[in-house]
Amino acid sequence: MPLALSAAALPLFAADTATPAAPGITDGLGQMLLGLAVVLGLLLGCLWLIKKLSAPHGAAAGLRVLGAVPVGPRERVVLVEVGG
């Protein structure tokens, strides 16, 4: 009787050992594009935040550089508009 039991159970275990089909190129394409969109969104959000945080505050907020002329290796003359 033990021999008959093992022979009957053999087809049940044979289905578990079948090799799965290889995934196609389009299987993970949607997930990859979604991940790319998330990364690009985070990048753009961080760039916007850096731009907002680095804006001049206080006295420098009313200054506008109209022109600059170098007069030496480390010196320059700058024309600045203050306020309006």
PDB file of N, CA and C in Angstrom:
ATOM      1  N   MET A   1       0.801  -1.202   0.000  1.00  0.00           N
ATOM      2  CA  MET A   1       0.000   0.000   0.000  1.00  0.00           C
ATOM      3  C   MET A   1       0.853   1.280   0.000  1.00  0.00           C
ATOM      4  N   PRO A   2       1.962   1.370   0.705  1.00  0.00           N
ATOM      5  CA  PRO A   2       2.760   2.591   0.649  1.00  0.00           C
ATOM      6  C   PRO A   2       3.253   2.901  -0.761  1.00  0.00           C
ATOM      7  N   LEU A   3       3.488   1.890  -1.562  1.00  0.00           N
ATOM      8  CA  LEU A   3       3.925   2.103  -2.921  1.00  0.00           C
ATOM      9  C   LEU A   3       2.829   2.755  -3.758  1.00  0.00           C
ATOM     10  N   ALA A   4       1.616   2.369  -3.571  1.00  0.00           N
ATOM     11  CA  ALA A   4       0.489   2.940  -4.311  1.00  0.00           C
ATOM     12  C   ALA A   4       0.263   4.401  -3.903  1.00  0.00           C
ATOM     13  N   LEU A   5       0.487   4.719  -2.638  1.00  0.00           N
ATOM     14  CA  LEU A   5       0.318   6.092  -2.175  1.00  0.00           C
ATOM     15  C   LEU A   5       1.356   7.016  -2.803  1.00  0.00           C
ATOM     16  N   SER A   6       2.586   6.570  -2.869  1.00  0.00           N
ATOM     17  CA  SER A   6       3.635   7.429  -3.419  1.00  0.00           C
ATOM     18  C   SER A   6       3.468   7.604  -4.926  1.00  0.00           C
ATOM     19  N   ALA A   7       2.983   6.610  -5.602  1.00  0.00           N
ATOM     20  CA  ALA A   7       2.756   6.717  -7.041  1.00  0.00           C
ATOM     21  C   ALA A   7       1.597   7.668  -7.321  1.00  0.00           C
ATOM     22  N   ALA A   8       0.602   7.683  -6.455  1.00  0.00           N
ATOM     23  CA  ALA A   8      -0.542   8.568  -6.659  1.00  0.00           C
ATOM     24  C   ALA A   8      -0.175  10.022  -6.328  1.00  0.00           C
ATOM     25  N   ALA A   9       0.756  10.217  -5.422  1.00  0.00           N
ATOM     26  CA  ALA A   9       1.134  11.567  -5.024  1.00  0.00           C
ATOM     27  C   ALA A   9       2.161  12.178  -5.980  1.00  0.00           C
ATOM     28  N   LEU A  10       2.784  11.390  -6.823  1.00  0.00           N
ATOM     29  CA  LEU A  10       3.812  11.881  -7.727  1.00  0.00           C
ATOM     30  C   LEU A  10       3.312  12.972  -8.679  1.00  0.00           C
ATOM     31  N   PRO A  11       2.165  12.845  -9.317  1.00  0.00           N
ATOM     32  CA  PRO A  11       1.710  13.918 -10.212  1.00  0.00           C
ATOM     33  C   PRO A  11       1.434  15.233  -9.472  1.00  0.00           C
ATOM     34  N   LEU A  12       1.113  15.193  -8.205  1.00  0.00           N
ATOM     35  CA  LEU A  12       0.864  16.420  -7.459  1.00  0.00           C
ATOM     36  C   LEU A  12       2.145  17.231  -7.283  1.00  0.00           C
ATOM     37  N   PHE A  13       3.258  16.555  -7.058  1.00  0.00           N
ATOM     38  CA  PHE A  13       4.525  17.240  -6.871  1.00  0.00           C
ATOM     39  C   PHE A  13       5.183  17.604  -8.192  1.00  0.00           C
ATOM     40  N   ALA A  14       4.850  16.934  -9.245  1.00  0.00           N
ATOM     41  CA  ALA A  14       5.454  17.214 -10.543  1.00  0.00           C
ATOM     42  C   ALA A  14       5.020  18.589 -11.053  1.00  0.00           C
ATOM     43  N   ALA A  15       3.826  19.026 -10.714  1.00  0.00           N
ATOM     44  CA  ALA A  15       3.352  20.336 -11.172  1.00  0.00           C
ATOM     45  C   ALA A  15       4.119  21.467 -10.493  1.00  0.00           C
ATOM     46  N   ASP A  16       4.637  21.259  -9.292  1.00  0.00           N
ATOM     47  CA  ASP A  16       5.363  22.302  -8.573  1.00  0.00           C
ATOM     48  C   ASP A  16       6.761  22.533  -9.144  1.00  0.00           C
ATOM     49  N   THR A  17       7.315  21.568  -9.816  1.00  0.00           N
ATOM     50  CA  THR A  17       8.687  21.688 -10.288  1.00  0.00           C
ATOM     51  C   THR A  17       8.764  22.181 -11.727  1.00  0.00           C
ATOM     52  N   ALA A  18       7.665  22.573 -12.334  1.00  0.00           N
ATOM     53  CA  ALA A  18       7.691  23.068 -13.714  1.00  0.00           C
ATOM     54  C   ALA A  18       8.397  24.418 -13.744  1.00  0.00           C
ATOM     55  N   THR A  19       9.177  24.648 -14.780  1.00  0.00           N
ATOM     56  CA  THR A  19       9.906  25.912 -14.897  1.00  0.00           C
ATOM     57  C   THR A  19       8.947  26.997 -15.384  1.00  0.00           C
ATOM     58  N   PRO A  20       8.970  28.147 -14.737  1.00  0.00           N
ATOM     59  CA  PRO A  20       8.080  29.235 -15.170  1.00  0.00           C
ATOM     60  C   PRO A  20       8.582  29.838 -16.484  1.00  0.00           C
ATOM     61  N   ALA A  21       7.676  30.426 -17.214  1.00  0.00           N
ATOM     62  CA  ALA A  21       8.043  31.055 -18.479  1.00  0.00           C
ATOM     63  C   ALA A  21       8.873  32.311 -18.196  1.00  0.00           C
ATOM     64  N   ALA A  22       9.796  32.610 -19.079  1.00  0.00           N
ATOM     65  CA  ALA A  22      10.639  33.798 -18.921  1.00  0.00           C
ATOM     66  C   ALA A  22       9.777  35.047 -19.094  1.00  0.00           C
ATOM     67  N   PRO A  23       9.969  36.048 -18.251  1.00  0.00           N
ATOM     68  CA  PRO A  23       9.166  37.266 -18.380  1.00  0.00           C
ATOM     69  C   PRO A  23       9.522  38.024 -19.653  1.00  0.00           C
ATOM     70  N   GLY A  24       8.523  38.622 -20.257  1.00  0.00           N
ATOM     71  CA  GLY A  24       8.736  39.400 -21.473  1.00  0.00           C
ATOM     72  C   GLY A  24       9.225  40.797 -21.139  1.00  0.00           C
ATOM     73  N   ILE A  25       9.597  41.543 -22.164  1.00  0.00           N
ATOM     74  CA  ILE A  25      10.134  42.890 -21.948  1.00  0.00           C
ATOM     75  C   ILE A  25       9.033  43.856 -21.521  1.00  0.00           C
ATOM     76  N   THR A  26       7.801  43.590 -21.890  1.00  0.00           N
ATOM     77  CA  THR A  26       6.709  44.516 -21.564  1.00  0.00           C
ATOM     78  C   THR A  26       6.104  44.255 -20.195  1.00  0.00           C
ATOM     79  N   ASP A  27       6.496  43.181 -19.525  1.00  0.00           N
ATOM     80  CA  ASP A  27       5.910  42.866 -18.214  1.00  0.00           C
ATOM     81  C   ASP A  27       6.242  43.937 -17.177  1.00  0.00           C
ATOM     82  N   GLY A  28       7.451  44.419 -17.148  1.00  0.00           N
ATOM     83  CA  GLY A  28       7.846  45.399 -16.142  1.00  0.00           C
ATOM     84  C   GLY A  28       7.933  46.819 -16.676  1.00  0.00           C
ATOM     85  N   LEU A  29       7.477  47.042 -17.906  1.00  0.00           N
ATOM     86  CA  LEU A  29       7.600  48.361 -18.524  1.00  0.00           C
ATOM     87  C   LEU A  29       6.762  49.411 -17.801  1.00  0.00           C
ATOM     88  N   GLY A  30       5.543  49.069 -17.434  1.00  0.00           N
ATOM     89  CA  GLY A  30       4.683  50.023 -16.722  1.00  0.00           C
ATOM     90  C   GLY A  30       5.250  50.391 -15.366  1.00  0.00           C
ATOM     91  N   GLN A  31       5.743  49.403 -14.660  1.00  0.00           N
ATOM     92  CA  GLN A  31       6.332  49.661 -13.345  1.00  0.00           C
ATOM     93  C   GLN A  31       7.596  50.508 -13.477  1.00  0.00           C
ATOM     94  N   MET A  32       8.393  50.269 -14.509  1.00  0.00           N
ATOM     95  CA  MET A  32       9.604  51.050 -14.716  1.00  0.00           C
ATOM     96  C   MET A  32       9.263  52.506 -15.048  1.00  0.00           C
ATOM     97  N   LEU A  33       8.262  52.713 -15.905  1.00  0.00           N
ATOM     98  CA  LEU A  33       7.868  54.077 -16.258  1.00  0.00           C
ATOM     99  C   LEU A  33       7.275  54.816 -15.070  1.00  0.00           C
ATOM    100  N   LEU A  34       6.521  54.116 -14.236  1.00  0.00           N
ATOM    101  CA  LEU A  34       5.980  54.737 -13.031  1.00  0.00           C
ATOM    102  C   LEU A  34       7.116  55.139 -12.084  1.00  0.00           C
ATOM    103  N   GLY A  35       8.079  54.293 -11.905  1.00  0.00           N
ATOM    104  CA  GLY A  35       9.233  54.620 -11.066  1.00  0.00           C
ATOM    105  C   GLY A  35      10.019  55.797 -11.613  1.00  0.00           C
ATOM    106  N   LEU A  36      10.181  55.847 -12.933  1.00  0.00           N
ATOM    107  CA  LEU A  36      10.878  56.968 -13.559  1.00  0.00           C
ATOM    108  C   LEU A  36      10.110  58.270 -13.337  1.00  0.00           C
ATOM    109  N   ALA A  37       8.786  58.228 -13.459  1.00  0.00           N
ATOM    110  CA  ALA A  37       7.972  59.423 -13.237  1.00  0.00           C
ATOM    111  C   ALA A  37       8.081  59.903 -11.795  1.00  0.00           C
ATOM    112  N   VAL A  38       8.120  58.981 -10.844  1.00  0.00           N
ATOM    113  CA  VAL A  38       8.258  59.357  -9.431  1.00  0.00           C
ATOM    114  C   VAL A  38       9.610  60.013  -9.186  1.00  0.00           C
ATOM    115  N   VAL A  39      10.667  59.449  -9.735  1.00  0.00           N
ATOM    116  CA  VAL A  39      12.008  60.006  -9.542  1.00  0.00           C
ATOM    117  C   VAL A  39      12.113  61.389 -10.176  1.00  0.00           C
ATOM    118  N   LEU A  40      11.586  61.550 -11.385  1.00  0.00           N
ATOM    119  CA  LEU A  40      11.632  62.861 -12.036  1.00  0.00           C
ATOM    120  C   LEU A  40      10.785  63.875 -11.281  1.00  0.00           C
ATOM    121  N   GLY A  41       9.641  63.459 -10.750  1.00  0.00           N
ATOM    122  CA  GLY A  41       8.812  64.359  -9.953  1.00  0.00           C
ATOM    123  C   GLY A  41       9.527  64.809  -8.688  1.00  0.00           C
ATOM    124  N   LEU A  42      10.193  63.885  -8.015  1.00  0.00           N
ATOM    125  CA  LEU A  42      10.966  64.251  -6.826  1.00  0.00           C
ATOM    126  C   LEU A  42      12.108  65.200  -7.178  1.00  0.00           C
ATOM    127  N   LEU A  43      12.770  64.962  -8.306  1.00  0.00           N
ATOM    128  CA  LEU A  43      13.858  65.833  -8.732  1.00  0.00           C
ATOM    129  C   LEU A  43      13.350  67.249  -8.999  1.00  0.00           C
ATOM    130  N   LEU A  44      12.255  67.365  -9.741  1.00  0.00           N
ATOM    131  CA  LEU A  44      11.706  68.683 -10.033  1.00  0.00           C
ATOM    132  C   LEU A  44      11.211  69.381  -8.765  1.00  0.00           C
ATOM    133  N   GLY A  45      10.597  68.616  -7.854  1.00  0.00           N
ATOM    134  CA  GLY A  45      10.152  69.197  -6.586  1.00  0.00           C
ATOM    135  C   GLY A  45      11.312  69.710  -5.752  1.00  0.00           C
ATOM    136  N   CYS A  46      12.392  68.964  -5.707  1.00  0.00           N
ATOM    137  CA  CYS A  46      13.572  69.407  -4.949  1.00  0.00           C
ATOM    138  C   CYS A  46      14.204  70.643  -5.584  1.00  0.00           C
ATOM    139  N   LEU A  47      14.260  70.683  -6.914  1.00  0.00           N
ATOM    140  CA  LEU A  47      14.816  71.860  -7.581  1.00  0.00           C
ATOM    141  C   LEU A  47      13.968  73.101  -7.320  1.00  0.00           C
ATOM    142  N   TRP A  48      12.649  72.948  -7.343  1.00  0.00           N
ATOM    143  CA  TRP A  48      11.756  74.069  -7.043  1.00  0.00           C
ATOM    144  C   TRP A  48      11.956  74.546  -5.607  1.00  0.00           C
ATOM    145  N   LEU A  49      12.082  73.600  -4.669  1.00  0.00           N
ATOM    146  CA  LEU A  49      12.279  73.946  -3.267  1.00  0.00           C
ATOM    147  C   LEU A  49      13.613  74.666  -3.056  1.00  0.00           C
ATOM    148  N   ILE A  50      14.658  74.213  -3.714  1.00  0.00           N
ATOM    149  CA  ILE A  50      15.957  74.874  -3.602  1.00  0.00           C
ATOM    150  C   ILE A  50      15.881  76.294  -4.150  1.00  0.00           C
ATOM    151  N   LYS A  51      15.176  76.463  -5.259  1.00  0.00           N
ATOM    152  CA  LYS A  51      15.029  77.798  -5.840  1.00  0.00           C
ATOM    153  C   LYS A  51      14.274  78.727  -4.906  1.00  0.00           C
ATOM    154  N   LYS A  52      13.216  78.225  -4.268  1.00  0.00           N
ATOM    155  CA  LYS A  52      12.437  79.046  -3.351  1.00  0.00           C
ATOM    156  C   LYS A  52      13.224  79.399  -2.092  1.00  0.00           C
ATOM    157  N   LEU A  53      14.008  78.460  -1.579  1.00  0.00           N
ATOM    158  CA  LEU A  53      14.755  78.702  -0.348  1.00  0.00           C
ATOM    159  C   LEU A  53      15.991  79.571  -0.572  1.00  0.00           C
ATOM    160  N   SER A  54      16.514  79.599  -1.794  1.00  0.00           N
ATOM    161  CA  SER A  54      17.723  80.383  -2.041  1.00  0.00           C
ATOM    162  C   SER A  54      17.417  81.795  -2.538  1.00  0.00           C
ATOM    163  N   ALA A  55      16.151  82.172  -2.598  1.00  0.00           N
ATOM    164  CA  ALA A  55      15.790  83.524  -3.036  1.00  0.00           C
ATOM    165  C   ALA A  55      16.280  84.527  -1.995  1.00  0.00           C
ATOM    166  N   PRO A  56      16.768  85.680  -2.428  1.00  0.00           N
ATOM    167  CA  PRO A  56      17.264  86.676  -1.475  1.00  0.00           C
ATOM    168  C   PRO A  56      16.134  87.255  -0.626  1.00  0.00           C
ATOM    169  N   HIS A  57      16.422  87.473   0.641  1.00  0.00           N
ATOM    170  CA  HIS A  57      15.465  88.043   1.580  1.00  0.00           C
ATOM    171  C   HIS A  57      16.051  89.317   2.168  1.00  0.00           C
ATOM    172  N   GLY A  58      15.195  90.178   2.672  1.00  0.00           N
ATOM    173  CA  GLY A  58      15.661  91.368   3.367  1.00  0.00           C
ATOM    174  C   GLY A  58      16.177  92.428   2.411  1.00  0.00           C
ATOM    175  N   ALA A  59      17.358  93.001   2.703  1.00  0.00           N
ATOM    176  CA  ALA A  59      17.912  94.115   1.946  1.00  0.00           C
ATOM    177  C   ALA A  59      18.284  93.710   0.520  1.00  0.00           C
ATOM    178  N   ALA A  60      18.690  92.482   0.302  1.00  0.00           N
ATOM    179  CA  ALA A  60      19.112  92.046  -1.024  1.00  0.00           C
ATOM    180  C   ALA A  60      17.936  91.806  -1.957  1.00  0.00           C
ATOM    181  N   ALA A  61      16.717  91.776  -1.439  1.00  0.00           N
ATOM    182  CA  ALA A  61      15.559  91.492  -2.276  1.00  0.00           C
ATOM    183  C   ALA A  61      15.272  92.637  -3.240  1.00  0.00           C
ATOM    184  N   GLY A  62      15.623  93.875  -2.919  1.00  0.00           N
ATOM    185  CA  GLY A  62      15.359  95.013  -3.782  1.00  0.00           C
ATOM    186  C   GLY A  62      16.489  95.358  -4.725  1.00  0.00           C
ATOM    187  N   LEU A  63      17.529  94.567  -4.787  1.00  0.00           N
ATOM    188  CA  LEU A  63      18.682  94.856  -5.638  1.00  0.00           C
ATOM    189  C   LEU A  63      18.556  94.140  -6.984  1.00  0.00           C
ATOM    190  N   ARG A  64      18.980  94.848  -8.036  1.00  0.00           N
ATOM    191  CA  ARG A  64      19.001  94.235  -9.365  1.00  0.00           C
ATOM    192  C   ARG A  64      20.290  94.655 -10.055  1.00  0.00           C
ATOM    193  N   VAL A  65      21.040  93.690 -10.559  1.00  0.00           N
ATOM    194  CA  VAL A  65      22.309  93.969 -11.232  1.00  0.00           C
ATOM    195  C   VAL A  65      22.007  94.359 -12.675  1.00  0.00           C
ATOM    196  N   LEU A  66      22.419  95.574 -13.064  1.00  0.00           N
ATOM    197  CA  LEU A  66      22.194  96.055 -14.421  1.00  0.00           C
ATOM    198  C   LEU A  66      23.343  95.728 -15.354  1.00  0.00           C
ATOM    199  N   GLY A  67      24.544  95.659 -14.821  1.00  0.00           N
ATOM    200  CA  GLY A  67      25.697  95.344 -15.646  1.00  0.00           C
ATOM    201  C   GLY A  67      26.939  95.199 -14.802  1.00  0.00           C
ATOM    202  N   ALA A  68      27.952  94.534 -15.372  1.00  0.00           N
ATOM    203  CA  ALA A  68      29.218  94.341 -14.665  1.00  0.00           C
ATOM    204  C   ALA A  68      30.356  94.351 -15.679  1.00  0.00           C
ATOM    205  N   VAL A  69      31.470  94.992 -15.299  1.00  0.00           N
ATOM    206  CA  VAL A  69      32.648  95.059 -16.160  1.00  0.00           C
ATOM    207  C   VAL A  69      33.854  94.629 -15.339  1.00  0.00           C
ATOM    208  N   PRO A  70      34.603  93.623 -15.794  1.00  0.00           N
ATOM    209  CA  PRO A  70      35.809  93.216 -15.053  1.00  0.00           C
ATOM    210  C   PRO A  70      36.915  94.244 -15.230  1.00  0.00           C
ATOM    211  N   VAL A  71      37.579  94.586 -14.125  1.00  0.00           N
ATOM    212  CA  VAL A  71      38.693  95.543 -14.170  1.00  0.00           C
ATOM    213  C   VAL A  71      39.994  94.903 -13.721  1.00  0.00           C
ATOM    214  N   GLY A  72      39.980  93.663 -13.378  1.00  0.00           N
ATOM    215  CA  GLY A  72      41.168  92.940 -12.934  1.00  0.00           C
ATOM    216  C   GLY A  72      40.831  91.463 -12.835  1.00  0.00           C
ATOM    217  N   PRO A  73      41.820  90.678 -12.401  1.00  0.00           N
ATOM    218  CA  PRO A  73      41.560  89.234 -12.321  1.00  0.00           C
ATOM    219  C   PRO A  73      40.489  88.863 -11.290  1.00  0.00           C
ATOM    220  N   ARG A  74      40.334  89.680 -10.233  1.00  0.00           N
ATOM    221  CA  ARG A  74      39.342  89.378  -9.210  1.00  0.00           C
ATOM    222  C   ARG A  74      38.405  90.546  -8.917  1.00  0.00           C
ATOM    223  N   GLU A  75      38.560  91.626  -9.640  1.00  0.00           N
ATOM    224  CA  GLU A  75      37.750  92.809  -9.371  1.00  0.00           C
ATOM    225  C   GLU A  75      36.830  93.085 -10.549  1.00  0.00           C
ATOM    226  N   ARG A  76      35.683  93.689 -10.246  1.00  0.00           N
ATOM    227  CA  ARG A  76      34.768  94.116 -11.279  1.00  0.00           C
ATOM    228  C   ARG A  76      33.966  95.311 -10.783  1.00  0.00           C
ATOM    229  N   VAL A  77      33.509  96.116 -11.698  1.00  0.00           N
ATOM    230  CA  VAL A  77      32.647  97.267 -11.394  1.00  0.00           C
ATOM    231  C   VAL A  77      31.218  96.828 -11.758  1.00  0.00           C
ATOM    232  N   VAL A  78      30.307  97.001 -10.818  1.00  0.00           N
ATOM    233  CA  VAL A  78      28.933  96.539 -11.000  1.00  0.00           C
ATOM    234  C   VAL A  78      27.998  97.708 -10.870  1.00  0.00           C
ATOM    235  N   LEU A  79      27.037  97.844 -11.803  1.00  0.00           N
ATOM    236  CA  LEU A  79      25.991  98.842 -11.744  1.00  0.00           C
ATOM    237  C   LEU A  79      24.745  98.168 -11.195  1.00  0.00           C
ATOM    238  N   VAL A  80      24.234  98.692 -10.047  1.00  0.00           N
ATOM    239  CA  VAL A  80      23.130  98.043  -9.342  1.00  0.00           C
ATOM    240  C   VAL A  80      21.972  99.015  -9.217  1.00  0.00           C
ATOM    241  N   GLU A  81      20.756  98.533  -9.431  1.00  0.00           N
ATOM    242  CA  GLU A  81      19.548  99.318  -9.218  1.00  0.00           C
ATOM    243  C   GLU A  81      18.962  98.912  -7.877  1.00  0.00           C
ATOM    244  N   VAL A  82      18.661  99.887  -7.024  1.00  0.00           N
ATOM    245  CA  VAL A  82      18.110  99.618  -5.699  1.00  0.00           C
ATOM    246  C   VAL A  82      16.656 100.064  -5.698  1.00  0.00           C
ATOM    247  N   GLY A  83      15.777  99.152  -5.296  1.00  0.00           N
ATOM    248  CA  GLY A  83      14.358  99.476  -5.238  1.00  0.00           C
ATOM    249  C   GLY A  83      13.795  99.636  -6.639  1.00  0.00           C
ATOM    250  N   GLY A  84      13.211 100.803  -6.945  1.00  0.00           N
ATOM    251  CA  GLY A  84      12.629 101.056  -8.268  1.00  0.00           C
ATOM    252  C   GLY A  84      13.485 102.033  -8.975  1.00  0.00           C
TER     253      GLY A  84
END
